[in-house]
Amino acid sequence: MSKKAPQAAQAEHVDERPLEERLRRLEEIARILDVGDRPLDEQLKLYSEGMTLAATCRAELEQAQLRVEELAR
């Protein structure tokens, strides 16, 4: 079996949760990291998850802004 297939599927994974749910998770991660009482390895994983969430949320919000601007014309 090829190991490339799972990696390709993983790279194409799209977070299908609603924006609001992803933003709540991002806020939760920020609170956890702010306290700083978790092991370093866990904090690094949370930071990585948070950065991914921030990027996808930002991209979705930018697309929404473009749609609003288009509709306003």
PDB file of N, CA and C in Angstrom:
ATOM      1  N   MET A   1       0.827  -1.200   0.000  1.00  0.00           N
ATOM      2  CA  MET A   1       0.000   0.000   0.000  1.00  0.00           C
ATOM      3  C   MET A   1       0.863   1.252   0.000  1.00  0.00           C
ATOM      4  N   SER A   2       0.396   2.243  -0.663  1.00  0.00           N
ATOM      5  CA  SER A   2       1.106   3.511  -0.734  1.00  0.00           C
ATOM      6  C   SER A   2       0.775   4.381   0.467  1.00  0.00           C
ATOM      7  N   LYS A   3       1.782   5.029   0.999  1.00  0.00           N
ATOM      8  CA  LYS A   3       1.556   5.928   2.128  1.00  0.00           C
ATOM      9  C   LYS A   3       1.162   7.322   1.658  1.00  0.00           C
ATOM     10  N   LYS A   4       1.210   7.570   0.362  1.00  0.00           N
ATOM     11  CA  LYS A   4       0.866   8.889  -0.163  1.00  0.00           C
ATOM     12  C   LYS A   4      -0.621   9.180  -0.096  1.00  0.00           C
ATOM     13  N   ALA A   5      -1.452   8.182  -0.247  1.00  0.00           N
ATOM     14  CA  ALA A   5      -2.900   8.402  -0.243  1.00  0.00           C
ATOM     15  C   ALA A   5      -3.385   9.022   1.059  1.00  0.00           C
ATOM     16  N   PRO A   6      -3.012   8.499   2.248  1.00  0.00           N
ATOM     17  CA  PRO A   6      -3.481   9.142   3.482  1.00  0.00           C
ATOM     18  C   PRO A   6      -2.960  10.569   3.613  1.00  0.00           C
ATOM     19  N   GLN A   7      -1.735  10.817   3.185  1.00  0.00           N
ATOM     20  CA  GLN A   7      -1.189  12.166   3.272  1.00  0.00           C
ATOM     21  C   GLN A   7      -1.953  13.115   2.361  1.00  0.00           C
ATOM     22  N   ALA A   8      -2.283  12.644   1.157  1.00  0.00           N
ATOM     23  CA  ALA A   8      -3.032  13.481   0.223  1.00  0.00           C
ATOM     24  C   ALA A   8      -4.410  13.787   0.781  1.00  0.00           C
ATOM     25  N   ALA A   9      -5.053  12.775   1.345  1.00  0.00           N
ATOM     26  CA  ALA A   9      -6.378  12.989   1.930  1.00  0.00           C
ATOM     27  C   ALA A   9      -6.289  13.958   3.096  1.00  0.00           C
ATOM     28  N   GLN A  10      -5.228  13.837   3.874  1.00  0.00           N
ATOM     29  CA  GLN A  10      -5.046  14.724   5.018  1.00  0.00           C
ATOM     30  C   GLN A  10      -4.829  16.166   4.544  1.00  0.00           C
ATOM     31  N   ALA A  11      -4.052  16.352   3.493  1.00  0.00           N
ATOM     32  CA  ALA A  11      -3.775  17.691   2.981  1.00  0.00           C
ATOM     33  C   ALA A  11      -5.034  18.341   2.425  1.00  0.00           C
ATOM     34  N   GLU A  12      -5.960  17.529   1.909  1.00  0.00           N
ATOM     35  CA  GLU A  12      -7.175  18.068   1.321  1.00  0.00           C
ATOM     36  C   GLU A  12      -8.299  18.233   2.334  1.00  0.00           C
ATOM     37  N   HIS A  13      -8.068  17.840   3.591  1.00  0.00           N
ATOM     38  CA  HIS A  13      -9.111  17.925   4.614  1.00  0.00           C
ATOM     39  C   HIS A  13      -9.547  19.380   4.804  1.00  0.00           C
ATOM     40  N   VAL A  14     -10.852  19.563   4.763  1.00  0.00           N
ATOM     41  CA  VAL A  14     -11.422  20.889   4.966  1.00  0.00           C
ATOM     42  C   VAL A  14     -12.264  20.844   6.229  1.00  0.00           C
ATOM     43  N   ASP A  15     -12.074  21.830   7.086  1.00  0.00           N
ATOM     44  CA  ASP A  15     -12.851  21.908   8.318  1.00  0.00           C
ATOM     45  C   ASP A  15     -14.248  22.378   7.959  1.00  0.00           C
ATOM     46  N   GLU A  16     -15.227  21.503   8.095  1.00  0.00           N
ATOM     47  CA  GLU A  16     -16.589  21.812   7.681  1.00  0.00           C
ATOM     48  C   GLU A  16     -17.447  22.358   8.812  1.00  0.00           C
ATOM     49  N   ARG A  17     -16.855  22.572   9.981  1.00  0.00           N
ATOM     50  CA  ARG A  17     -17.634  23.140  11.080  1.00  0.00           C
ATOM     51  C   ARG A  17     -18.032  24.570  10.721  1.00  0.00           C
ATOM     52  N   PRO A  18     -19.167  25.016  11.224  1.00  0.00           N
ATOM     53  CA  PRO A  18     -19.575  26.403  10.976  1.00  0.00           C
ATOM     54  C   PRO A  18     -18.521  27.387  11.507  1.00  0.00           C
ATOM     55  N   LEU A  19     -18.460  28.534  10.886  1.00  0.00           N
ATOM     56  CA  LEU A  19     -17.501  29.566  11.279  1.00  0.00           C
ATOM     57  C   LEU A  19     -17.604  29.871  12.769  1.00  0.00           C
ATOM     58  N   GLU A  20     -18.814  30.007  13.271  1.00  0.00           N
ATOM     59  CA  GLU A  20     -19.008  30.364  14.674  1.00  0.00           C
ATOM     60  C   GLU A  20     -18.411  29.306  15.609  1.00  0.00           C
ATOM     61  N   GLU A  21     -18.535  28.049  15.238  1.00  0.00           N
ATOM     62  CA  GLU A  21     -17.978  26.970  16.056  1.00  0.00           C
ATOM     63  C   GLU A  21     -16.454  27.019  16.041  1.00  0.00           C
ATOM     64  N   ARG A  22     -15.888  27.291  14.871  1.00  0.00           N
ATOM     65  CA  ARG A  22     -14.426  27.400  14.772  1.00  0.00           C
ATOM     66  C   ARG A  22     -13.911  28.590  15.555  1.00  0.00           C
ATOM     67  N   LEU A  23     -14.654  29.706  15.532  1.00  0.00           N
ATOM     68  CA  LEU A  23     -14.242  30.881  16.308  1.00  0.00           C
ATOM     69  C   LEU A  23     -14.309  30.608  17.805  1.00  0.00           C
ATOM     70  N   ARG A  24     -15.340  29.872  18.243  1.00  0.00           N
ATOM     71  CA  ARG A  24     -15.421  29.503  19.667  1.00  0.00           C
ATOM     72  C   ARG A  24     -14.229  28.644  20.069  1.00  0.00           C
ATOM     73  N   ARG A  25     -13.860  27.697  19.210  1.00  0.00           N
ATOM     74  CA  ARG A  25     -12.705  26.841  19.504  1.00  0.00           C
ATOM     75  C   ARG A  25     -11.440  27.679  19.553  1.00  0.00           C
ATOM     76  N   LEU A  26     -11.299  28.628  18.666  1.00  0.00           N
ATOM     77  CA  LEU A  26     -10.134  29.509  18.663  1.00  0.00           C
ATOM     78  C   LEU A  26     -10.057  30.309  19.958  1.00  0.00           C
ATOM     79  N   GLU A  27     -11.184  30.812  20.426  1.00  0.00           N
ATOM     80  CA  GLU A  27     -11.213  31.536  21.699  1.00  0.00           C
ATOM     81  C   GLU A  27     -10.838  30.621  22.859  1.00  0.00           C
ATOM     82  N   GLU A  28     -11.332  29.384  22.823  1.00  0.00           N
ATOM     83  CA  GLU A  28     -11.008  28.417  23.865  1.00  0.00           C
ATOM     84  C   GLU A  28      -9.498  28.147  23.902  1.00  0.00           C
ATOM     85  N   ILE A  29      -8.909  27.968  22.734  1.00  0.00           N
ATOM     86  CA  ILE A  29      -7.471  27.732  22.648  1.00  0.00           C
ATOM     87  C   ILE A  29      -6.705  28.923  23.209  1.00  0.00           C
ATOM     88  N   ALA A  30      -7.138  30.135  22.869  1.00  0.00           N
ATOM     89  CA  ALA A  30      -6.471  31.339  23.363  1.00  0.00           C
ATOM     90  C   ALA A  30      -6.519  31.389  24.894  1.00  0.00           C
ATOM     91  N   ARG A  31      -7.679  31.053  25.475  1.00  0.00           N
ATOM     92  CA  ARG A  31      -7.792  31.044  26.941  1.00  0.00           C
ATOM     93  C   ARG A  31      -6.864  30.008  27.563  1.00  0.00           C
ATOM     94  N   ILE A  32      -6.819  28.813  26.970  1.00  0.00           N
ATOM     95  CA  ILE A  32      -5.955  27.750  27.500  1.00  0.00           C
ATOM     96  C   ILE A  32      -4.493  28.178  27.450  1.00  0.00           C
ATOM     97  N   LEU A  33      -4.082  28.727  26.314  1.00  0.00           N
ATOM     98  CA  LEU A  33      -2.691  29.140  26.167  1.00  0.00           C
ATOM     99  C   LEU A  33      -2.355  30.318  27.069  1.00  0.00           C
ATOM    100  N   ASP A  34      -3.330  31.183  27.320  1.00  0.00           N
ATOM    101  CA  ASP A  34      -3.110  32.333  28.186  1.00  0.00           C
ATOM    102  C   ASP A  34      -2.793  31.893  29.610  1.00  0.00           C
ATOM    103  N   VAL A  35      -3.464  30.837  30.071  1.00  0.00           N
ATOM    104  CA  VAL A  35      -3.216  30.321  31.417  1.00  0.00           C
ATOM    105  C   VAL A  35      -1.816  29.711  31.489  1.00  0.00           C
ATOM    106  N   GLY A  36      -1.451  28.956  30.458  1.00  0.00           N
ATOM    107  CA  GLY A  36      -0.098  28.414  30.373  1.00  0.00           C
ATOM    108  C   GLY A  36       0.208  27.261  31.314  1.00  0.00           C
ATOM    109  N   ASP A  37      -0.803  26.555  31.769  1.00  0.00           N
ATOM    110  CA  ASP A  37      -0.562  25.469  32.730  1.00  0.00           C
ATOM    111  C   ASP A  37      -0.520  24.085  32.091  1.00  0.00           C
ATOM    112  N   ARG A  38      -0.505  24.029  30.785  1.00  0.00           N
ATOM    113  CA  ARG A  38      -0.470  22.742  30.075  1.00  0.00           C
ATOM    114  C   ARG A  38       0.982  22.408  29.730  1.00  0.00           C
ATOM    115  N   PRO A  39       1.272  21.121  29.542  1.00  0.00           N
ATOM    116  CA  PRO A  39       2.627  20.730  29.114  1.00  0.00           C
ATOM    117  C   PRO A  39       2.981  21.391  27.782  1.00  0.00           C
ATOM    118  N   LEU A  40       4.256  21.620  27.590  1.00  0.00           N
ATOM    119  CA  LEU A  40       4.730  22.315  26.395  1.00  0.00           C
ATOM    120  C   LEU A  40       4.258  21.640  25.111  1.00  0.00           C
ATOM    121  N   ASP A  41       4.339  20.315  25.045  1.00  0.00           N
ATOM    122  CA  ASP A  41       3.922  19.599  23.840  1.00  0.00           C
ATOM    123  C   ASP A  41       2.457  19.887  23.520  1.00  0.00           C
ATOM    124  N   GLU A  42       1.600  19.876  24.542  1.00  0.00           N
ATOM    125  CA  GLU A  42       0.182  20.163  24.329  1.00  0.00           C
ATOM    126  C   GLU A  42      -0.026  21.608  23.895  1.00  0.00           C
ATOM    127  N   GLN A  43       0.732  22.530  24.491  1.00  0.00           N
ATOM    128  CA  GLN A  43       0.616  23.937  24.113  1.00  0.00           C
ATOM    129  C   GLN A  43       1.018  24.136  22.655  1.00  0.00           C
ATOM    130  N   LEU A  44       2.050  23.436  22.209  1.00  0.00           N
ATOM    131  CA  LEU A  44       2.477  23.556  20.810  1.00  0.00           C
ATOM    132  C   LEU A  44       1.406  23.031  19.859  1.00  0.00           C
ATOM    133  N   LYS A  45       0.773  21.920  20.224  1.00  0.00           N
ATOM    134  CA  LYS A  45      -0.306  21.382  19.393  1.00  0.00           C
ATOM    135  C   LYS A  45      -1.482  22.349  19.347  1.00  0.00           C
ATOM    136  N   LEU A  46      -1.831  22.921  20.495  1.00  0.00           N
ATOM    137  CA  LEU A  46      -2.925  23.890  20.548  1.00  0.00           C
ATOM    138  C   LEU A  46      -2.588  25.136  19.732  1.00  0.00           C
ATOM    139  N   TYR A  47      -1.350  25.590  19.838  1.00  0.00           N
ATOM    140  CA  TYR A  47      -0.924  26.767  19.071  1.00  0.00           C
ATOM    141  C   TYR A  47      -1.062  26.497  17.571  1.00  0.00           C
ATOM    142  N   SER A  48      -0.618  25.322  17.150  1.00  0.00           N
ATOM    143  CA  SER A  48      -0.716  24.955  15.734  1.00  0.00           C
ATOM    144  C   SER A  48      -2.176  24.903  15.293  1.00  0.00           C
ATOM    145  N   GLU A  49      -3.024  24.283  16.110  1.00  0.00           N
ATOM    146  CA  GLU A  49      -4.454  24.225  15.786  1.00  0.00           C
ATOM    147  C   GLU A  49      -5.031  25.636  15.704  1.00  0.00           C
ATOM    148  N   GLY A  50      -4.644  26.484  16.642  1.00  0.00           N
ATOM    149  CA  GLY A  50      -5.142  27.857  16.653  1.00  0.00           C
ATOM    150  C   GLY A  50      -4.720  28.642  15.423  1.00  0.00           C
ATOM    151  N   MET A  51      -3.480  28.470  15.010  1.00  0.00           N
ATOM    152  CA  MET A  51      -3.003  29.180  13.823  1.00  0.00           C
ATOM    153  C   MET A  51      -3.757  28.709  12.574  1.00  0.00           C
ATOM    154  N   THR A  52      -4.023  27.424  12.486  1.00  0.00           N
ATOM    155  CA  THR A  52      -4.780  26.892  11.358  1.00  0.00           C
ATOM    156  C   THR A  52      -6.203  27.442  11.372  1.00  0.00           C
ATOM    157  N   LEU A  53      -6.827  27.414  12.549  1.00  0.00           N
ATOM    158  CA  LEU A  53      -8.181  27.961  12.669  1.00  0.00           C
ATOM    159  C   LEU A  53      -8.216  29.442  12.316  1.00  0.00           C
ATOM    160  N   ALA A  54      -7.247  30.197  12.808  1.00  0.00           N
ATOM    161  CA  ALA A  54      -7.207  31.631  12.526  1.00  0.00           C
ATOM    162  C   ALA A  54      -7.106  31.880  11.024  1.00  0.00           C
ATOM    163  N   ALA A  55      -6.275  31.110  10.349  1.00  0.00           N
ATOM    164  CA  ALA A  55      -6.096  31.299   8.908  1.00  0.00           C
ATOM    165  C   ALA A  55      -7.369  30.953   8.138  1.00  0.00           C
ATOM    166  N   THR A  56      -8.020  29.852   8.501  1.00  0.00           N
ATOM    167  CA  THR A  56      -9.223  29.468   7.767  1.00  0.00           C
ATOM    168  C   THR A  56     -10.380  30.416   8.064  1.00  0.00           C
ATOM    169  N   CYS A  57     -10.482  30.865   9.305  1.00  0.00           N
ATOM    170  CA  CYS A  57     -11.545  31.822   9.648  1.00  0.00           C
ATOM    171  C   CYS A  57     -11.319  33.149   8.931  1.00  0.00           C
ATOM    172  N   ARG A  58     -10.076  33.610   8.925  1.00  0.00           N
ATOM    173  CA  ARG A  58      -9.751  34.865   8.241  1.00  0.00           C
ATOM    174  C   ARG A  58     -10.088  34.767   6.757  1.00  0.00           C
ATOM    175  N   ALA A  59      -9.726  33.651   6.125  1.00  0.00           N
ATOM    176  CA  ALA A  59     -10.011  33.476   4.695  1.00  0.00           C
ATOM    177  C   ALA A  59     -11.516  33.472   4.433  1.00  0.00           C
ATOM    178  N   GLU A  60     -12.278  32.800   5.299  1.00  0.00           N
ATOM    179  CA  GLU A  60     -13.723  32.771   5.109  1.00  0.00           C
ATOM    180  C   GLU A  60     -14.331  34.159   5.299  1.00  0.00           C
ATOM    181  N   LEU A  61     -13.849  34.896   6.286  1.00  0.00           N
ATOM    182  CA  LEU A  61     -14.362  36.246   6.520  1.00  0.00           C
ATOM    183  C   LEU A  61     -14.005  37.186   5.369  1.00  0.00           C
ATOM    184  N   GLU A  62     -12.812  37.012   4.810  1.00  0.00           N
ATOM    185  CA  GLU A  62     -12.427  37.824   3.656  1.00  0.00           C
ATOM    186  C   GLU A  62     -13.326  37.529   2.460  1.00  0.00           C
ATOM    187  N   GLN A  63     -13.662  36.256   2.260  1.00  0.00           N
ATOM    188  CA  GLN A  63     -14.572  35.893   1.166  1.00  0.00           C
ATOM    189  C   GLN A  63     -15.959  36.489   1.391  1.00  0.00           C
ATOM    190  N   ALA A  64     -16.407  36.463   2.634  1.00  0.00           N
ATOM    191  CA  ALA A  64     -17.712  37.047   2.949  1.00  0.00           C
ATOM    192  C   ALA A  64     -17.699  38.554   2.678  1.00  0.00           C
ATOM    193  N   GLN A  65     -16.602  39.208   3.034  1.00  0.00           N
ATOM    194  CA  GLN A  65     -16.487  40.644   2.795  1.00  0.00           C
ATOM    195  C   GLN A  65     -16.544  40.941   1.298  1.00  0.00           C
ATOM    196  N   LEU A  66     -15.855  40.133   0.507  1.00  0.00           N
ATOM    197  CA  LEU A  66     -15.894  40.329  -0.948  1.00  0.00           C
ATOM    198  C   LEU A  66     -17.300  40.147  -1.496  1.00  0.00           C
ATOM    199  N   ARG A  67     -18.029  39.165  -0.978  1.00  0.00           N
ATOM    200  CA  ARG A  67     -19.409  38.949  -1.439  1.00  0.00           C
ATOM    201  C   ARG A  67     -20.288  40.145  -1.081  1.00  0.00           C
ATOM    202  N   VAL A  68     -20.114  40.689   0.117  1.00  0.00           N
ATOM    203  CA  VAL A  68     -20.901  41.864   0.540  1.00  0.00           C
ATOM    204  C   VAL A  68     -20.578  43.047  -0.371  1.00  0.00           C
ATOM    205  N   GLU A  69     -19.304  43.257  -0.643  1.00  0.00           N
ATOM    206  CA  GLU A  69     -18.901  44.356  -1.519  1.00  0.00           C
ATOM    207  C   GLU A  69     -19.484  44.171  -2.919  1.00  0.00           C
ATOM    208  N   GLU A  70     -19.500  42.947  -3.393  1.00  0.00           N
ATOM    209  CA  GLU A  70     -20.072  42.646  -4.715  1.00  0.00           C
ATOM    210  C   GLU A  70     -21.571  42.949  -4.728  1.00  0.00           C
ATOM    211  N   LEU A  71     -22.266  42.548  -3.677  1.00  0.00           N
ATOM    212  CA  LEU A  71     -23.697  42.787  -3.605  1.00  0.00           C
ATOM    213  C   LEU A  71     -24.033  44.279  -3.463  1.00  0.00           C
ATOM    214  N   ALA A  72     -23.147  45.039  -2.865  1.00  0.00           N
ATOM    215  CA  ALA A  72     -23.379  46.455  -2.635  1.00  0.00           C
ATOM    216  C   ALA A  72     -23.202  47.285  -3.909  1.00  0.00           C
ATOM    217  N   ARG A  73     -22.652  46.705  -4.944  1.00  0.00           N
ATOM    218  CA  ARG A  73     -22.418  47.458  -6.191  1.00  0.00           C
ATOM    219  C   ARG A  73     -23.691  47.655  -6.965  1.00  0.00           C
TER     220      ARG A  73
END
